[in-house]
PDB file of N, CA and C in Angstrom:
ATOM      1  N   MET A   1    -158.839  49.328 -54.553  1.00  0.00           N
ATOM      2  CA  MET A   1    -159.679  49.380 -55.718  1.00  0.00           C
ATOM      3  C   MET A   1    -160.315  50.764 -55.751  1.00  0.00           C
ATOM      4  N   ALA A   2    -160.318  51.341 -56.919  1.00  0.00           N
ATOM      5  CA  ALA A   2    -160.831  52.695 -57.071  1.00  0.00           C
ATOM      6  C   ALA A   2    -162.351  52.666 -57.091  1.00  0.00           C
ATOM      7  N   ILE A   3    -162.915  53.782 -56.715  1.00  0.00           N
ATOM      8  CA  ILE A   3    -164.373  53.930 -56.684  1.00  0.00           C
ATOM      9  C   ILE A   3    -164.932  53.701 -58.087  1.00  0.00           C
ATOM     10  N   GLY A   4    -164.256  54.175 -59.099  1.00  0.00           N
ATOM     11  CA  GLY A   4    -164.709  54.003 -60.481  1.00  0.00           C
ATOM     12  C   GLY A   4    -164.805  52.529 -60.852  1.00  0.00           C
ATOM     13  N   ASP A   5    -163.822  51.733 -60.408  1.00  0.00           N
ATOM     14  CA  ASP A   5    -163.846  50.296 -60.699  1.00  0.00           C
ATOM     15  C   ASP A   5    -165.019  49.613 -59.996  1.00  0.00           C
ATOM     16  N   LYS A   6    -165.290  50.030 -58.750  1.00  0.00           N
ATOM     17  CA  LYS A   6    -166.413  49.452 -58.003  1.00  0.00           C
ATOM     18  C   LYS A   6    -167.737  49.773 -58.697  1.00  0.00           C
ATOM     19  N   ILE A   7    -167.870  51.013 -59.118  1.00  0.00           N
ATOM     20  CA  ILE A   7    -169.108  51.429 -59.793  1.00  0.00           C
ATOM     21  C   ILE A   7    -169.270  50.652 -61.095  1.00  0.00           C
ATOM     22  N   LYS A   8    -168.159  50.517 -61.827  1.00  0.00           N
ATOM     23  CA  LYS A   8    -168.221  49.773 -63.092  1.00  0.00           C
ATOM     24  C   LYS A   8    -168.592  48.319 -62.837  1.00  0.00           C
ATOM     25  N   ARG A   9    -168.028  47.720 -61.801  1.00  0.00           N
ATOM     26  CA  ARG A   9    -168.319  46.327 -61.482  1.00  0.00           C
ATOM     27  C   ARG A   9    -169.801  46.156 -61.102  1.00  0.00           C
ATOM     28  N   TYR A  10    -170.327  47.072 -60.279  1.00  0.00           N
ATOM     29  CA  TYR A  10    -171.745  47.017 -59.904  1.00  0.00           C
ATOM     30  C   TYR A  10    -172.641  47.244 -61.124  1.00  0.00           C
ATOM     31  N   PHE A  11    -172.213  48.151 -61.968  1.00  0.00           N
ATOM     32  CA  PHE A  11    -172.975  48.432 -63.185  1.00  0.00           C
ATOM     33  C   PHE A  11    -173.004  47.193 -64.081  1.00  0.00           C
ATOM     34  N   ASP A  12    -171.824  46.563 -64.279  1.00  0.00           N
ATOM     35  CA  ASP A  12    -171.751  45.353 -65.098  1.00  0.00           C
ATOM     36  C   ASP A  12    -172.603  44.231 -64.501  1.00  0.00           C
ATOM     37  N   LYS A  13    -172.573  44.105 -63.185  1.00  0.00           N
ATOM     38  CA  LYS A  13    -173.362  43.095 -62.498  1.00  0.00           C
ATOM     39  C   LYS A  13    -174.862  43.350 -62.725  1.00  0.00           C
ATOM     40  N   GLY A  14    -175.258  44.602 -62.655  1.00  0.00           N
ATOM     41  CA  GLY A  14    -176.661  44.974 -62.885  1.00  0.00           C
ATOM     42  C   GLY A  14    -177.091  44.699 -64.314  1.00  0.00           C
ATOM     43  N   VAL A  15    -176.196  45.017 -65.264  1.00  0.00           N
ATOM     44  CA  VAL A  15    -176.503  44.769 -66.673  1.00  0.00           C
ATOM     45  C   VAL A  15    -176.657  43.267 -66.912  1.00  0.00           C
ATOM     46  N   THR A  16    -175.772  42.467 -66.336  1.00  0.00           N
ATOM     47  CA  THR A  16    -175.840  41.013 -66.493  1.00  0.00           C
ATOM     48  C   THR A  16    -177.138  40.467 -65.898  1.00  0.00           C
ATOM     49  N   ALA A  17    -177.504  40.943 -64.718  1.00  0.00           N
ATOM     50  CA  ALA A  17    -178.747  40.494 -64.081  1.00  0.00           C
ATOM     51  C   ALA A  17    -179.962  40.897 -64.914  1.00  0.00           C
ATOM     52  N   SER A  18    -179.935  42.105 -65.446  1.00  0.00           N
ATOM     53  CA  SER A  18    -181.047  42.573 -66.286  1.00  0.00           C
ATOM     54  C   SER A  18    -181.155  41.737 -67.552  1.00  0.00           C
ATOM     55  N   LYS A  19    -180.001  41.449 -68.161  1.00  0.00           N
ATOM     56  CA  LYS A  19    -179.999  40.647 -69.389  1.00  0.00           C
ATOM     57  C   LYS A  19    -180.521  39.246 -69.111  1.00  0.00           C
ATOM     58  N   THR A  20    -180.111  38.654 -68.001  1.00  0.00           N
ATOM     59  CA  THR A  20    -180.577  37.316 -67.635  1.00  0.00           C
ATOM     60  C   THR A  20    -182.091  37.320 -67.427  1.00  0.00           C
ATOM     61  N   ALA A  21    -182.597  38.317 -66.715  1.00  0.00           N
ATOM     62  CA  ALA A  21    -184.040  38.417 -66.474  1.00  0.00           C
ATOM     63  C   ALA A  21    -184.794  38.615 -67.786  1.00  0.00           C
ATOM     64  N   PHE A  22    -184.258  39.456 -68.657  1.00  0.00           N
ATOM     65  CA  PHE A  22    -184.889  39.702 -69.953  1.00  0.00           C
ATOM     66  C   PHE A  22    -184.923  38.423 -70.786  1.00  0.00           C
ATOM     67  N   ASP A  23    -183.792  37.689 -70.804  1.00  0.00           N
ATOM     68  CA  ASP A  23    -183.724  36.440 -71.564  1.00  0.00           C
ATOM     69  C   ASP A  23    -184.739  35.420 -71.041  1.00  0.00           C
ATOM     70  N   LYS A  24    -184.857  35.325 -69.715  1.00  0.00           N
ATOM     71  CA  LYS A  24    -185.835  34.399 -69.132  1.00  0.00           C
ATOM     72  C   LYS A  24    -187.256  34.816 -69.504  1.00  0.00           C
ATOM     73  N   GLY A  25    -187.508  36.112 -69.482  1.00  0.00           N
ATOM     74  CA  GLY A  25    -188.826  36.623 -69.863  1.00  0.00           C
ATOM     75  C   GLY A  25    -189.150  36.322 -71.312  1.00  0.00           C
ATOM     76  N   MET A  26    -188.165  36.500 -72.177  1.00  0.00           N
ATOM     77  CA  MET A  26    -188.363  36.206 -73.597  1.00  0.00           C
ATOM     78  C   MET A  26    -188.637  34.716 -73.807  1.00  0.00           C
ATOM     79  N   GLU A  27    -187.889  33.877 -73.119  1.00  0.00           N
ATOM     80  CA  GLU A  27    -188.081  32.431 -73.250  1.00  0.00           C
ATOM     81  C   GLU A  27    -189.470  32.030 -72.757  1.00  0.00           C
ATOM     82  N   ALA A  28    -189.903  32.595 -71.646  1.00  0.00           N
ATOM     83  CA  ALA A  28    -191.246  32.305 -71.129  1.00  0.00           C
ATOM     84  C   ALA A  28    -192.316  32.779 -72.110  1.00  0.00           C
ATOM     85  N   SER A  29    -192.102  33.929 -72.718  1.00  0.00           N
ATOM     86  CA  SER A  29    -193.058  34.452 -73.701  1.00  0.00           C
ATOM     87  C   SER A  29    -193.133  33.545 -74.924  1.00  0.00           C
ATOM     88  N   LYS A  30    -191.969  33.089 -75.393  1.00  0.00           N
ATOM     89  CA  LYS A  30    -191.950  32.185 -76.547  1.00  0.00           C
ATOM     90  C   LYS A  30    -192.688  30.889 -76.232  1.00  0.00           C
ATOM     91  N   THR A  31    -192.440  30.335 -75.056  1.00  0.00           N
ATOM     92  CA  THR A  31    -193.099  29.093 -74.651  1.00  0.00           C
ATOM     93  C   THR A  31    -194.608  29.286 -74.581  1.00  0.00           C
ATOM     94  N   ALA A  32    -195.036  30.377 -73.958  1.00  0.00           N
ATOM     95  CA  ALA A  32    -196.474  30.653 -73.846  1.00  0.00           C
ATOM     96  C   ALA A  32    -197.098  30.849 -75.221  1.00  0.00           C
ATOM     97  N   PHE A  33    -196.413  31.569 -76.090  1.00  0.00           N
ATOM     98  CA  PHE A  33    -196.923  31.799 -77.440  1.00  0.00           C
ATOM     99  C   PHE A  33    -197.053  30.490 -78.203  1.00  0.00           C
ATOM    100  N   ASN A  34    -196.044  29.624 -78.099  1.00  0.00           N
ATOM    101  CA  ASN A  34    -196.084  28.336 -78.797  1.00  0.00           C
ATOM    102  C   ASN A  34    -197.236  27.465 -78.298  1.00  0.00           C
ATOM    103  N   LYS A  35    -197.454  27.454 -76.981  1.00  0.00           N
ATOM    104  CA  LYS A  35    -198.557  26.670 -76.425  1.00  0.00           C
ATOM    105  C   LYS A  35    -199.897  27.226 -76.886  1.00  0.00           C
ATOM    106  N   ALA A  36    -200.041  28.539 -76.867  1.00  0.00           N
ATOM    107  CA  ALA A  36    -201.290  29.165 -77.306  1.00  0.00           C
ATOM    108  C   ALA A  36    -201.522  28.902 -78.789  1.00  0.00           C
ATOM    109  N   SER A  37    -200.477  29.009 -79.568  1.00  0.00           N
ATOM    110  CA  SER A  37    -200.584  28.761 -81.004  1.00  0.00           C
ATOM    111  C   SER A  37    -201.018  27.325 -81.271  1.00  0.00           C
ATOM    112  N   SER A  38    -200.447  26.390 -80.545  1.00  0.00           N
ATOM    113  CA  SER A  38    -200.801  24.982 -80.697  1.00  0.00           C
ATOM    114  C   SER A  38    -202.261  24.740 -80.313  1.00  0.00           C
ATOM    115  N   ALA A  39    -202.710  25.379 -79.233  1.00  0.00           N
ATOM    116  CA  ALA A  39    -204.099  25.221 -78.794  1.00  0.00           C
ATOM    117  C   ALA A  39    -205.071  25.788 -79.820  1.00  0.00           C
ATOM    118  N   VAL A  40    -204.741  26.936 -80.380  1.00  0.00           N
ATOM    119  CA  VAL A  40    -205.602  27.548 -81.399  1.00  0.00           C
ATOM    120  C   VAL A  40    -205.648  26.666 -82.643  1.00  0.00           C
ATOM    121  N   GLN A  41    -204.512  26.139 -83.053  1.00  0.00           N
ATOM    122  CA  GLN A  41    -204.465  25.263 -84.229  1.00  0.00           C
ATOM    123  C   GLN A  41    -205.301  24.010 -83.998  1.00  0.00           C
ATOM    124  N   ASP A  42    -205.179  23.416 -82.808  1.00  0.00           N
ATOM    125  CA  ASP A  42    -205.950  22.222 -82.482  1.00  0.00           C
ATOM    126  C   ASP A  42    -207.448  22.530 -82.512  1.00  0.00           C
ATOM    127  N   PHE A  43    -207.838  23.664 -81.934  1.00  0.00           N
ATOM    128  CA  PHE A  43    -209.250  24.070 -81.937  1.00  0.00           C
ATOM    129  C   PHE A  43    -209.748  24.254 -83.361  1.00  0.00           C
ATOM    130  N   SER A  44    -208.943  24.901 -84.181  1.00  0.00           N
ATOM    131  CA  SER A  44    -209.313  25.146 -85.580  1.00  0.00           C
ATOM    132  C   SER A  44    -209.465  23.830 -86.339  1.00  0.00           C
ATOM    133  N   ASP A  45    -208.509  22.932 -86.168  1.00  0.00           N
ATOM    134  CA  ASP A  45    -208.561  21.634 -86.847  1.00  0.00           C
ATOM    135  C   ASP A  45    -209.803  20.850 -86.426  1.00  0.00           C
ATOM    136  N   LYS A  46    -210.075  20.835 -85.127  1.00  0.00           N
ATOM    137  CA  LYS A  46    -211.233  20.091 -84.627  1.00  0.00           C
ATOM    138  C   LYS A  46    -212.537  20.728 -85.084  1.00  0.00           C
ATOM    139  N   SER A  47    -212.552  22.047 -85.229  1.00  0.00           N
ATOM    140  CA  SER A  47    -213.759  22.713 -85.725  1.00  0.00           C
ATOM    141  C   SER A  47    -214.063  22.272 -87.150  1.00  0.00           C
ATOM    142  N   VAL A  48    -213.037  22.176 -87.969  1.00  0.00           N
ATOM    143  CA  VAL A  48    -213.216  21.718 -89.351  1.00  0.00           C
ATOM    144  C   VAL A  48    -213.746  20.286 -89.355  1.00  0.00           C
ATOM    145  N   VAL A  49    -213.200  19.439 -88.510  1.00  0.00           N
ATOM    146  CA  VAL A  49    -213.633  18.039 -88.449  1.00  0.00           C
ATOM    147  C   VAL A  49    -215.088  17.957 -87.986  1.00  0.00           C
ATOM    148  N   ARG A  50    -215.462  18.785 -87.005  1.00  0.00           N
ATOM    149  CA  ARG A  50    -216.856  18.800 -86.537  1.00  0.00           C
ATOM    150  C   ARG A  50    -217.811  19.203 -87.661  1.00  0.00           C
ATOM    151  N   ILE A  51    -217.417  20.194 -88.435  1.00  0.00           N
ATOM    152  CA  ILE A  51    -218.251  20.647 -89.558  1.00  0.00           C
ATOM    153  C   ILE A  51    -218.389  19.533 -90.591  1.00  0.00           C
ATOM    154  N   GLU A  52    -217.274  18.879 -90.925  1.00  0.00           N
ATOM    155  CA  GLU A  52    -217.324  17.775 -91.887  1.00  0.00           C
ATOM    156  C   GLU A  52    -218.219  16.651 -91.376  1.00  0.00           C
ATOM    157  N   LYS A  53    -218.094  16.333 -90.093  1.00  0.00           N
ATOM    158  CA  LYS A  53    -218.917  15.273 -89.489  1.00  0.00           C
ATOM    159  C   LYS A  53    -220.392  15.632 -89.612  1.00  0.00           C
ATOM    160  N   HIS A  54    -220.725  16.869 -89.307  1.00  0.00           N
ATOM    161  CA  HIS A  54    -222.118  17.319 -89.404  1.00  0.00           C
ATOM    162  C   HIS A  54    -222.621  17.220 -90.848  1.00  0.00           C
ATOM    163  N   GLN A  55    -221.775  17.560 -91.802  1.00  0.00           N
ATOM    164  CA  GLN A  55    -222.167  17.465 -93.212  1.00  0.00           C
ATOM    165  C   GLN A  55    -222.477  16.017 -93.601  1.00  0.00           C
ATOM    166  N   PHE A  56    -221.658  15.078 -93.140  1.00  0.00           N
ATOM    167  CA  PHE A  56    -221.918  13.670 -93.442  1.00  0.00           C
ATOM    168  C   PHE A  56    -223.176  13.174 -92.725  1.00  0.00           C
ATOM    169  N   GLU A  57    -223.402  13.654 -91.498  1.00  0.00           N
ATOM    170  CA  GLU A  57    -224.625  13.269 -90.788  1.00  0.00           C
ATOM    171  C   GLU A  57    -225.864  13.776 -91.529  1.00  0.00           C
ATOM    172  N   THR A  58    -225.787  15.005 -92.021  1.00  0.00           N
ATOM    173  CA  THR A  58    -226.900  15.575 -92.782  1.00  0.00           C
ATOM    174  C   THR A  58    -227.124  14.800 -94.077  1.00  0.00           C
ATOM    175  N   LYS A  59    -226.032  14.477 -94.758  1.00  0.00           N
ATOM    176  CA  LYS A  59    -226.138  13.718 -96.009  1.00  0.00           C
ATOM    177  C   LYS A  59    -226.728  12.334 -95.742  1.00  0.00           C
ATOM    178  N   LYS A  60    -226.327  11.715 -94.642  1.00  0.00           N
ATOM    179  CA  LYS A  60    -226.861  10.399 -94.286  1.00  0.00           C
ATOM    180  C   LYS A  60    -228.366  10.492 -94.048  1.00  0.00           C
ATOM    181  N   GLU A  61    -228.804  11.518 -93.323  1.00  0.00           N
ATOM    182  CA  GLU A  61    -230.237  11.703 -93.076  1.00  0.00           C
ATOM    183  C   GLU A  61    -230.999  11.864 -94.389  1.00  0.00           C
ATOM    184  N   GLU A  62    -230.436  12.636 -95.308  1.00  0.00           N
ATOM    185  CA  GLU A  62    -231.077  12.831 -96.612  1.00  0.00           C
ATOM    186  C   GLU A  62    -231.182  11.509 -97.369  1.00  0.00           C
ATOM    187  N   GLN A  63    -230.122  10.708 -97.309  1.00  0.00           N
ATOM    188  CA  GLN A  63    -230.126   9.418 -98.000  1.00  0.00           C
ATOM    189  C   GLN A  63    -231.127   8.455 -97.360  1.00  0.00           C
ATOM    190  N   LEU A  64    -231.228   8.491 -96.036  1.00  0.00           N
ATOM    191  CA  LEU A  64    -232.203   7.630 -95.364  1.00  0.00           C
ATOM    192  C   LEU A  64    -233.628   8.039 -95.725  1.00  0.00           C
ATOM    193  N   LEU A  65    -233.861   9.332 -95.854  1.00  0.00           N
ATOM    194  CA  LEU A  65    -235.178   9.800 -96.299  1.00  0.00           C
ATOM    195  C   LEU A  65    -235.464   9.322 -97.725  1.00  0.00           C
ATOM    196  N   ALA A  66    -234.468   9.413 -98.592  1.00  0.00           N
ATOM    197  CA  ALA A  66    -234.631   8.943 -99.973  1.00  0.00           C
ATOM    198  C   ALA A  66    -234.898   7.440 -99.996  1.00  0.00           C
ATOM    199  N   LEU A  67    -234.194   6.704 -99.144  1.00  0.00           N
ATOM    200  CA  LEU A  67    -234.398   5.260 -99.061  1.00  0.00           C
ATOM    201  C   LEU A  67    -235.817   4.954 -98.596  1.00  0.00           C
ATOM    202  N   GLY A  68    -236.260   5.652 -97.581  1.00  0.00           N
ATOM    203  CA  GLY A  68    -237.625   5.462 -97.088  1.00  0.00           C
ATOM    204  C   GLY A  68    -238.659   5.755 -98.164  1.00  0.00           C
ATOM    205  N   LYS A  69    -238.411   6.787 -98.937  1.00  0.00           N
ATOM    206  CA  LYS A  69    -239.330   7.141-100.027  1.00  0.00           C
ATOM    207  C   LYS A  69    -239.385   6.021-101.065  1.00  0.00           C
ATOM    208  N   LYS A  70    -238.213   5.508-101.445  1.00  0.00           N
ATOM    209  CA  LYS A  70    -238.163   4.420-102.434  1.00  0.00           C
ATOM    210  C   LYS A  70    -238.894   3.174-101.911  1.00  0.00           C
ATOM    211  N   VAL A  71    -238.663   2.834-100.653  1.00  0.00           N
ATOM    212  CA  VAL A  71    -239.313   1.664-100.060  1.00  0.00           C
ATOM    213  C   VAL A  71    -240.824   1.879-100.024  1.00  0.00           C
ATOM    214  N   PHE A  72    -241.242   3.060 -99.620  1.00  0.00           N
ATOM    215  CA  PHE A  72    -242.673   3.363 -99.586  1.00  0.00           C
ATOM    216  C   PHE A  72    -243.289   3.236-100.975  1.00  0.00           C
ATOM    217  N   GLU A  73    -242.600   3.767-101.984  1.00  0.00           N
ATOM    218  CA  GLU A  73    -243.110   3.679-103.357  1.00  0.00           C
ATOM    219  C   GLU A  73    -243.288   2.223-103.784  1.00  0.00           C
ATOM    220  N   LYS A  74    -242.340   1.373-103.388  1.00  0.00           N
ATOM    221  CA  LYS A  74    -242.440  -0.050-103.749  1.00  0.00           C
ATOM    222  C   LYS A  74    -243.606  -0.715-103.030  1.00  0.00           C
ATOM    223  N   PHE A  75    -243.791  -0.389-101.757  1.00  0.00           N
ATOM    224  CA  PHE A  75    -244.860  -1.006-100.979  1.00  0.00           C
ATOM    225  C   PHE A  75    -246.234  -0.441-101.330  1.00  0.00           C
ATOM    226  N   ALA A  76    -246.299   0.824-101.637  1.00  0.00           N
ATOM    227  CA  ALA A  76    -247.582   1.482-101.856  1.00  0.00           C
ATOM    228  C   ALA A  76    -248.067   1.371-103.295  1.00  0.00           C
ATOM    229  N   GLY A  77    -247.245   0.911-104.180  1.00  0.00           N
ATOM    230  CA  GLY A  77    -247.626   0.804-105.588  1.00  0.00           C
ATOM    231  C   GLY A  77    -248.737  -0.210-105.800  1.00  0.00           C
ATOM    232  N   ASP A  78    -249.290  -0.174-106.990  1.00  0.00           N
ATOM    233  CA  ASP A  78    -250.372  -1.106-107.320  1.00  0.00           C
ATOM    234  C   ASP A  78    -249.919  -2.556-107.191  1.00  0.00           C
ATOM    235  N   THR A  79    -248.710  -2.802-107.574  1.00  0.00           N
ATOM    236  CA  THR A  79    -248.163  -4.154-107.434  1.00  0.00           C
ATOM    237  C   THR A  79    -247.022  -4.096-106.430  1.00  0.00           C
ATOM    238  N   ALA A  80    -247.367  -4.218-105.167  1.00  0.00           N
ATOM    239  CA  ALA A  80    -246.356  -4.155-104.110  1.00  0.00           C
ATOM    240  C   ALA A  80    -245.315  -5.240-104.355  1.00  0.00           C
ATOM    241  N   SER A  81    -244.069  -4.858-104.234  1.00  0.00           N
ATOM    242  CA  SER A  81    -242.997  -5.814-104.490  1.00  0.00           C
ATOM    243  C   SER A  81    -242.033  -5.852-103.315  1.00  0.00           C
ATOM    244  N   ALA A  82    -241.263  -6.895-103.279  1.00  0.00           N
ATOM    245  CA  ALA A  82    -240.268  -7.041-102.219  1.00  0.00           C
ATOM    246  C   ALA A  82    -239.136  -6.043-102.448  1.00  0.00           C
ATOM    247  N   VAL A  83    -238.545  -5.630-101.366  1.00  0.00           N
ATOM    248  CA  VAL A  83    -237.426  -4.687-101.433  1.00  0.00           C
ATOM    249  C   VAL A  83    -236.164  -5.446-101.065  1.00  0.00           C
ATOM    250  N   ARG A  84    -235.160  -5.298-101.913  1.00  0.00           N
ATOM    251  CA  ARG A  84    -233.876  -5.948-101.656  1.00  0.00           C
ATOM    252  C   ARG A  84    -232.774  -4.898-101.690  1.00  0.00           C
ATOM    253  N   ALA A  85    -231.728  -5.142-100.947  1.00  0.00           N
ATOM    254  CA  ALA A  85    -230.617  -4.185-100.877  1.00  0.00           C
ATOM    255  C   ALA A  85    -229.894  -4.047-102.209  1.00  0.00           C
ATOM    256  N   ASP A  86    -229.995  -5.059-103.062  1.00  0.00           N
ATOM    257  CA  ASP A  86    -229.297  -4.984-104.350  1.00  0.00           C
ATOM    258  C   ASP A  86    -230.194  -4.498-105.493  1.00  0.00           C
ATOM    259  N   ASP A  87    -231.397  -4.006-105.165  1.00  0.00           N
ATOM    260  CA  ASP A  87    -232.252  -3.398-106.192  1.00  0.00           C
ATOM    261  C   ASP A  87    -231.521  -2.209-106.804  1.00  0.00           C
ATOM    262  N   ALA A  88    -231.717  -2.011-108.087  1.00  0.00           N
ATOM    263  CA  ALA A  88    -230.990  -0.960-108.817  1.00  0.00           C
ATOM    264  C   ALA A  88    -231.216   0.434-108.242  1.00  0.00           C
ATOM    265  N   ASP A  89    -232.416   0.703-107.746  1.00  0.00           N
ATOM    266  CA  ASP A  89    -232.671   2.041-107.207  1.00  0.00           C
ATOM    267  C   ASP A  89    -232.411   2.131-105.710  1.00  0.00           C
ATOM    268  N   ILE A  90    -232.181   1.012-105.057  1.00  0.00           N
ATOM    269  CA  ILE A  90    -231.922   0.980-103.614  1.00  0.00           C
ATOM    270  C   ILE A  90    -230.424   0.888-103.316  1.00  0.00           C
ATOM    271  N   ALA A  91    -229.697   0.089-104.073  1.00  0.00           N
ATOM    272  CA  ALA A  91    -228.274  -0.182-103.808  1.00  0.00           C
ATOM    273  C   ALA A  91    -227.419   1.081-103.710  1.00  0.00           C
ATOM    274  N   PRO A  92    -227.563   2.054-104.616  1.00  0.00           N
ATOM    275  CA  PRO A  92    -226.716   3.249-104.493  1.00  0.00           C
ATOM    276  C   PRO A  92    -226.985   4.037-103.203  1.00  0.00           C
ATOM    277  N   ILE A  93    -228.231   4.042-102.783  1.00  0.00           N
ATOM    278  CA  ILE A  93    -228.576   4.769-101.554  1.00  0.00           C
ATOM    279  C   ILE A  93    -227.974   4.061-100.350  1.00  0.00           C
ATOM    280  N   VAL A  94    -228.100   2.741-100.318  1.00  0.00           N
ATOM    281  CA  VAL A  94    -227.527   1.959 -99.218  1.00  0.00           C
ATOM    282  C   VAL A  94    -226.013   2.149 -99.180  1.00  0.00           C
ATOM    283  N   ALA A  95    -225.374   2.133-100.340  1.00  0.00           N
ATOM    284  CA  ALA A  95    -223.918   2.329-100.408  1.00  0.00           C
ATOM    285  C   ALA A  95    -223.534   3.706 -99.883  1.00  0.00           C
ATOM    286  N   GLU A  96    -224.308   4.714-100.226  1.00  0.00           N
ATOM    287  CA  GLU A  96    -224.006   6.075 -99.765  1.00  0.00           C
ATOM    288  C   GLU A  96    -224.190   6.201 -98.255  1.00  0.00           C
ATOM    289  N   VAL A  97    -225.215   5.555 -97.706  1.00  0.00           N
ATOM    290  CA  VAL A  97    -225.422   5.578 -96.250  1.00  0.00           C
ATOM    291  C   VAL A  97    -224.238   4.914 -95.550  1.00  0.00           C
ATOM    292  N   LYS A  98    -223.780   3.787 -96.086  1.00  0.00           N
ATOM    293  CA  LYS A  98    -222.618   3.096 -95.500  1.00  0.00           C
ATOM    294  C   LYS A  98    -221.372   3.976 -95.584  1.00  0.00           C
ATOM    295  N   HIS A  99    -221.193   4.642 -96.714  1.00  0.00           N
ATOM    296  CA  HIS A  99    -220.050   5.550 -96.880  1.00  0.00           C
ATOM    297  C   HIS A  99    -220.117   6.680 -95.842  1.00  0.00           C
ATOM    298  N   CYS A 100    -221.287   7.242 -95.656  1.00  0.00           N
ATOM    299  CA  CYS A 100    -221.453   8.314 -94.662  1.00  0.00           C
ATOM    300  C   CYS A 100    -221.120   7.803 -93.264  1.00  0.00           C
ATOM    301  N   ASP A 101    -221.582   6.583 -92.937  1.00  0.00           N
ATOM    302  CA  ASP A 101    -221.271   5.994 -91.631  1.00  0.00           C
ATOM    303  C   ASP A 101    -219.765   5.864 -91.429  1.00  0.00           C
ATOM    304  N   GLU A 102    -219.049   5.430 -92.472  1.00  0.00           N
ATOM    305  CA  GLU A 102    -217.589   5.292 -92.379  1.00  0.00           C
ATOM    306  C   GLU A 102    -216.922   6.644 -92.157  1.00  0.00           C
ATOM    307  N   GLU A 103    -217.364   7.642 -92.900  1.00  0.00           N
ATOM    308  CA  GLU A 103    -216.774   8.977 -92.774  1.00  0.00           C
ATOM    309  C   GLU A 103    -217.077   9.594 -91.409  1.00  0.00           C
ATOM    310  N   ILE A 104    -218.278   9.371 -90.907  1.00  0.00           N
ATOM    311  CA  ILE A 104    -218.644   9.875 -89.580  1.00  0.00           C
ATOM    312  C   ILE A 104    -217.757   9.221 -88.526  1.00  0.00           C
ATOM    313  N   ALA A 105    -217.549   7.912 -88.647  1.00  0.00           N
ATOM    314  CA  ALA A 105    -216.699   7.191 -87.690  1.00  0.00           C
ATOM    315  C   ALA A 105    -215.268   7.727 -87.716  1.00  0.00           C
ATOM    316  N   LYS A 106    -214.749   8.039 -88.907  1.00  0.00           N
ATOM    317  CA  LYS A 106    -213.391   8.598 -89.013  1.00  0.00           C
ATOM    318  C   LYS A 106    -213.309   9.938 -88.283  1.00  0.00           C
ATOM    319  N   ARG A 107    -214.320  10.770 -88.477  1.00  0.00           N
ATOM    320  CA  ARG A 107    -214.307  12.090 -87.830  1.00  0.00           C
ATOM    321  C   ARG A 107    -214.450  11.968 -86.319  1.00  0.00           C
ATOM    322  N   GLU A 108    -215.276  11.033 -85.864  1.00  0.00           N
ATOM    323  CA  GLU A 108    -215.416  10.820 -84.421  1.00  0.00           C
ATOM    324  C   GLU A 108    -214.099  10.360 -83.816  1.00  0.00           C
ATOM    325  N   GLU A 109    -213.389   9.508 -84.533  1.00  0.00           N
ATOM    326  CA  GLU A 109    -212.079   9.041 -84.066  1.00  0.00           C
ATOM    327  C   GLU A 109    -211.090  10.206 -83.994  1.00  0.00           C
ATOM    328  N   ALA A 110    -211.107  11.053 -85.011  1.00  0.00           N
ATOM    329  CA  ALA A 110    -210.204  12.213 -85.027  1.00  0.00           C
ATOM    330  C   ALA A 110    -210.529  13.168 -83.881  1.00  0.00           C
ATOM    331  N   LEU A 111    -211.805  13.343 -83.586  1.00  0.00           N
ATOM    332  CA  LEU A 111    -212.191  14.239 -82.496  1.00  0.00           C
ATOM    333  C   LEU A 111    -211.840  13.653 -81.134  1.00  0.00           C
ATOM    334  N   ALA A 112    -211.811  12.332 -81.037  1.00  0.00           N
ATOM    335  CA  ALA A 112    -211.510  11.679 -79.766  1.00  0.00           C
ATOM    336  C   ALA A 112    -210.020  11.715 -79.431  1.00  0.00           C
ATOM    337  N   GLN A 113    -209.179  11.947 -80.439  1.00  0.00           N
ATOM    338  CA  GLN A 113    -207.733  11.991 -80.191  1.00  0.00           C
ATOM    339  C   GLN A 113    -207.395  13.204 -79.344  1.00  0.00           C
ATOM    340  N   LYS A 114    -206.436  13.006 -78.461  1.00  0.00           N
ATOM    341  CA  LYS A 114    -205.993  14.107 -77.603  1.00  0.00           C
ATOM    342  C   LYS A 114    -205.124  15.067 -78.397  1.00  0.00           C
ATOM    343  N   PRO A 115    -205.152  16.345 -78.031  1.00  0.00           N
ATOM    344  CA  PRO A 115    -204.305  17.317 -78.737  1.00  0.00           C
ATOM    345  C   PRO A 115    -202.830  17.030 -78.491  1.00  0.00           C
ATOM    346  N   LYS A 116    -202.012  17.453 -79.459  1.00  0.00           N
ATOM    347  CA  LYS A 116    -200.559  17.288 -79.332  1.00  0.00           C
ATOM    348  C   LYS A 116    -200.039  18.190 -78.228  1.00  0.00           C
ATOM    349  N   GLN A 117    -199.177  17.655 -77.393  1.00  0.00           N
ATOM    350  CA  GLN A 117    -198.545  18.438 -76.332  1.00  0.00           C
ATOM    351  C   GLN A 117    -197.098  18.700 -76.709  1.00  0.00           C
ATOM    352  N   ASP A 118    -196.678  19.951 -76.617  1.00  0.00           N
ATOM    353  CA  ASP A 118    -195.281  20.304 -76.938  1.00  0.00           C
ATOM    354  C   ASP A 118    -194.403  20.176 -75.724  1.00  0.00           C
TER     355      ASP A 118
END
């Protein structure tokens, strides 16, 4: 075998090894990028859900304050009257508080779910 053939064979072997190493590196980079991308997306999604949950909690607090005000007005008036959940000025507030509770529960459930694993 000629020296030129040996050199060419070693060169080809080196090129093949380099290509294999490069391909493995690229595959590892793609995998790492996909995992990082998934983690960032999950964090972003959960951040939005946390913000929505906080908004419903704030709205619920506002509605409870409004309910308390209405009840106080009924009790403190000259002719104190009984308060019922189906009163025209009470029922919408109670319904909104219940709606907020449902929405908060949905967001808590979404936050409790584990992130997707690839």
